[in-house]
Amino acid sequence: MLLLLENLNIYVGKFVLDEVLDLTPIEATYILSGGQKRELNRLQGELLLSNAVKPVILVDNAEEINQSVLSQLQKQQDDIKAMTDEKIQQERIKQAEMMNKFTEIFG
């Protein structure tokens, strides 16, 4: 019963033990499965957003894009490009190794 209460609090929201005891097993299972399905849909939506090839910005008018927005977009595109660029990956590995050595010496 406590496991059911814990799962309901995780997936559905705030429940107290008295409310769980008032539910039939079928009702509790139905409510819990609905909460789990909602969480799964949320995670799948985040996965779809995270699989975007390039970040984009949607605006009504091109004149509304200022330099800071363009630089932010360019930085995001460079970060995505760095995931597949071997040269950039090697540079980042070297930087991480240098940082580790620095922290070992001065840490």
C-alpha atoms as a PDB file:
ATOM      1  CA  MET A   1       0.000   0.000   0.000  1.00  0.00           C
ATOM      2  CA  LEU A   2       2.863   2.364   0.803  1.00  0.00           C
ATOM      3  CA  LEU A   3       4.472   1.551  -2.552  1.00  0.00           C
ATOM      4  CA  LEU A   4       1.212   2.446  -4.290  1.00  0.00           C
ATOM      5  CA  LEU A   5       1.048   5.689  -2.299  1.00  0.00           C
ATOM      6  CA  GLU A   6       4.630   6.522  -3.267  1.00  0.00           C
ATOM      7  CA  ASN A   7       3.979   5.811  -6.960  1.00  0.00           C
ATOM      8  CA  LEU A   8       0.797   7.882  -6.956  1.00  0.00           C
ATOM      9  CA  ASN A   9       2.674  10.798  -5.377  1.00  0.00           C
ATOM     10  CA  ILE A  10       5.418  10.517  -8.013  1.00  0.00           C
ATOM     11  CA  TYR A  11       3.295  10.146 -11.139  1.00  0.00           C
ATOM     12  CA  VAL A  12      -0.049  11.743 -10.313  1.00  0.00           C
ATOM     13  CA  GLY A  13       0.454  14.272  -7.555  1.00  0.00           C
ATOM     14  CA  LYS A  14      -0.181  14.735  -3.869  1.00  0.00           C
ATOM     15  CA  PHE A  15      -2.059  11.833  -2.275  1.00  0.00           C
ATOM     16  CA  VAL A  16      -2.485  10.938   1.383  1.00  0.00           C
ATOM     17  CA  LEU A  17      -2.855   7.410   2.723  1.00  0.00           C
ATOM     18  CA  ASP A  18      -6.565   7.826   3.517  1.00  0.00           C
ATOM     19  CA  GLU A  19      -7.292   8.736  -0.102  1.00  0.00           C
ATOM     20  CA  VAL A  20      -5.433   5.663  -1.336  1.00  0.00           C
ATOM     21  CA  LEU A  21      -7.291   3.420   1.108  1.00  0.00           C
ATOM     22  CA  ASP A  22     -10.620   4.759  -0.223  1.00  0.00           C
ATOM     23  CA  LEU A  23      -9.722   3.700  -3.781  1.00  0.00           C
ATOM     24  CA  THR A  24     -10.463   0.253  -5.134  1.00  0.00           C
ATOM     25  CA  PRO A  25      -7.465  -1.579  -6.622  1.00  0.00           C
ATOM     26  CA  ILE A  26      -8.852  -1.076 -10.128  1.00  0.00           C
ATOM     27  CA  GLU A  27      -9.307   2.673  -9.567  1.00  0.00           C
ATOM     28  CA  ALA A  28      -5.812   3.021  -8.130  1.00  0.00           C
ATOM     29  CA  THR A  29      -4.293   1.118 -11.058  1.00  0.00           C
ATOM     30  CA  TYR A  30      -6.263   3.206 -13.554  1.00  0.00           C
ATOM     31  CA  ILE A  31      -5.175   6.493 -11.948  1.00  0.00           C
ATOM     32  CA  LEU A  32      -1.553   5.359 -11.679  1.00  0.00           C
ATOM     33  CA  SER A  33      -1.404   4.172 -15.291  1.00  0.00           C
ATOM     34  CA  GLY A  34      -2.843   7.506 -16.440  1.00  0.00           C
ATOM     35  CA  GLY A  35      -0.153   9.388 -14.536  1.00  0.00           C
ATOM     36  CA  GLN A  36       2.568   7.139 -15.928  1.00  0.00           C
ATOM     37  CA  LYS A  37       1.242   7.621 -19.470  1.00  0.00           C
ATOM     38  CA  ARG A  38       1.250  11.401 -18.995  1.00  0.00           C
ATOM     39  CA  GLU A  39       4.867  11.279 -17.786  1.00  0.00           C
ATOM     40  CA  LEU A  40       5.850   9.053 -20.722  1.00  0.00           C
ATOM     41  CA  ASN A  41       4.259  11.473 -23.188  1.00  0.00           C
ATOM     42  CA  ARG A  42       6.128  14.363 -21.562  1.00  0.00           C
ATOM     43  CA  LEU A  43       9.441  12.528 -21.825  1.00  0.00           C
ATOM     44  CA  GLN A  44       8.801  11.591 -25.454  1.00  0.00           C
ATOM     45  CA  GLY A  45       8.055  15.234 -26.228  1.00  0.00           C
ATOM     46  CA  GLU A  46      11.349  16.277 -24.638  1.00  0.00           C
ATOM     47  CA  LEU A  47      13.142  13.597 -26.652  1.00  0.00           C
ATOM     48  CA  LEU A  48      11.643  14.902 -29.874  1.00  0.00           C
ATOM     49  CA  LEU A  49      12.752  18.417 -28.990  1.00  0.00           C
ATOM     50  CA  SER A  50      16.246  17.254 -28.082  1.00  0.00           C
ATOM     51  CA  ASN A  51      16.664  15.429 -31.394  1.00  0.00           C
ATOM     52  CA  ALA A  52      16.418  18.654 -33.407  1.00  0.00           C
ATOM     53  CA  VAL A  53      19.221  18.859 -35.959  1.00  0.00           C
ATOM     54  CA  LYS A  54      19.719  22.609 -35.749  1.00  0.00           C
ATOM     55  CA  PRO A  55      18.324  25.154 -33.337  1.00  0.00           C
ATOM     56  CA  VAL A  56      16.046  27.689 -34.959  1.00  0.00           C
ATOM     57  CA  ILE A  57      14.336  30.881 -33.914  1.00  0.00           C
ATOM     58  CA  LEU A  58      10.886  31.739 -35.234  1.00  0.00           C
ATOM     59  CA  VAL A  59      10.148  35.443 -35.544  1.00  0.00           C
ATOM     60  CA  ASP A  60       7.488  37.511 -37.257  1.00  0.00           C
ATOM     61  CA  ASN A  61       9.876  39.901 -38.900  1.00  0.00           C
ATOM     62  CA  ALA A  62      13.562  39.522 -39.785  1.00  0.00           C
ATOM     63  CA  GLU A  63      14.257  43.046 -38.505  1.00  0.00           C
ATOM     64  CA  GLU A  64      13.375  41.891 -34.996  1.00  0.00           C
ATOM     65  CA  ILE A  65      16.447  39.649 -34.861  1.00  0.00           C
ATOM     66  CA  ASN A  66      19.194  41.545 -33.114  1.00  0.00           C
ATOM     67  CA  GLN A  67      22.860  40.718 -32.847  1.00  0.00           C
ATOM     68  CA  SER A  68      22.622  38.990 -29.454  1.00  0.00           C
ATOM     69  CA  VAL A  69      19.973  36.572 -30.722  1.00  0.00           C
ATOM     70  CA  LEU A  70      22.049  35.803 -33.805  1.00  0.00           C
ATOM     71  CA  SER A  71      25.169  35.199 -31.724  1.00  0.00           C
ATOM     72  CA  GLN A  72      23.213  32.903 -29.387  1.00  0.00           C
ATOM     73  CA  LEU A  73      21.887  30.933 -32.350  1.00  0.00           C
ATOM     74  CA  GLN A  74      25.360  30.702 -33.891  1.00  0.00           C
ATOM     75  CA  LYS A  75      26.793  29.440 -30.598  1.00  0.00           C
ATOM     76  CA  GLN A  76      24.145  26.721 -30.401  1.00  0.00           C
ATOM     77  CA  GLN A  77      24.818  25.677 -33.990  1.00  0.00           C
ATOM     78  CA  ASP A  78      28.561  25.561 -33.307  1.00  0.00           C
ATOM     79  CA  ASP A  79      27.969  23.372 -30.247  1.00  0.00           C
ATOM     80  CA  ILE A  80      25.916  20.946 -32.321  1.00  0.00           C
ATOM     81  CA  LYS A  81      28.557  20.927 -35.059  1.00  0.00           C
ATOM     82  CA  ALA A  82      31.237  20.221 -32.441  1.00  0.00           C
ATOM     83  CA  MET A  83      29.540  16.935 -31.571  1.00  0.00           C
ATOM     84  CA  THR A  84      30.559  15.462 -34.935  1.00  0.00           C
ATOM     85  CA  ASP A  85      33.740  17.430 -35.678  1.00  0.00           C
ATOM     86  CA  GLU A  86      36.789  15.347 -34.714  1.00  0.00           C
ATOM     87  CA  LYS A  87      39.148  18.332 -34.497  1.00  0.00           C
ATOM     88  CA  ILE A  88      36.925  20.197 -32.041  1.00  0.00           C
ATOM     89  CA  GLN A  89      36.395  17.031 -29.998  1.00  0.00           C
ATOM     90  CA  GLN A  90      40.161  16.511 -29.724  1.00  0.00           C
ATOM     91  CA  GLU A  91      40.623  20.133 -28.616  1.00  0.00           C
ATOM     92  CA  ARG A  92      37.969  19.708 -25.929  1.00  0.00           C
ATOM     93  CA  ILE A  93      39.584  16.474 -24.717  1.00  0.00           C
ATOM     94  CA  LYS A  94      42.953  18.234 -24.455  1.00  0.00           C
ATOM     95  CA  GLN A  95      41.359  21.140 -22.567  1.00  0.00           C
ATOM     96  CA  ALA A  96      39.705  18.710 -20.144  1.00  0.00           C
ATOM     97  CA  GLU A  97      43.007  16.892 -19.580  1.00  0.00           C
ATOM     98  CA  MET A  98      44.802  20.184 -18.953  1.00  0.00           C
ATOM     99  CA  MET A  99      42.090  21.213 -16.501  1.00  0.00           C
ATOM    100  CA  ASN A 100      42.407  17.881 -14.675  1.00  0.00           C
ATOM    101  CA  LYS A 101      46.184  18.313 -14.415  1.00  0.00           C
ATOM    102  CA  PHE A 102      45.699  21.852 -13.131  1.00  0.00           C
ATOM    103  CA  THR A 103      43.273  20.712 -10.445  1.00  0.00           C
ATOM    104  CA  GLU A 104      45.592  17.861  -9.445  1.00  0.00           C
ATOM    105  CA  ILE A 105      48.499  20.271  -9.020  1.00  0.00           C
ATOM    106  CA  PHE A 106      46.697  23.222  -7.448  1.00  0.00           C
ATOM    107  CA  GLY A 107      43.450  21.572  -6.327  1.00  0.00           C
END
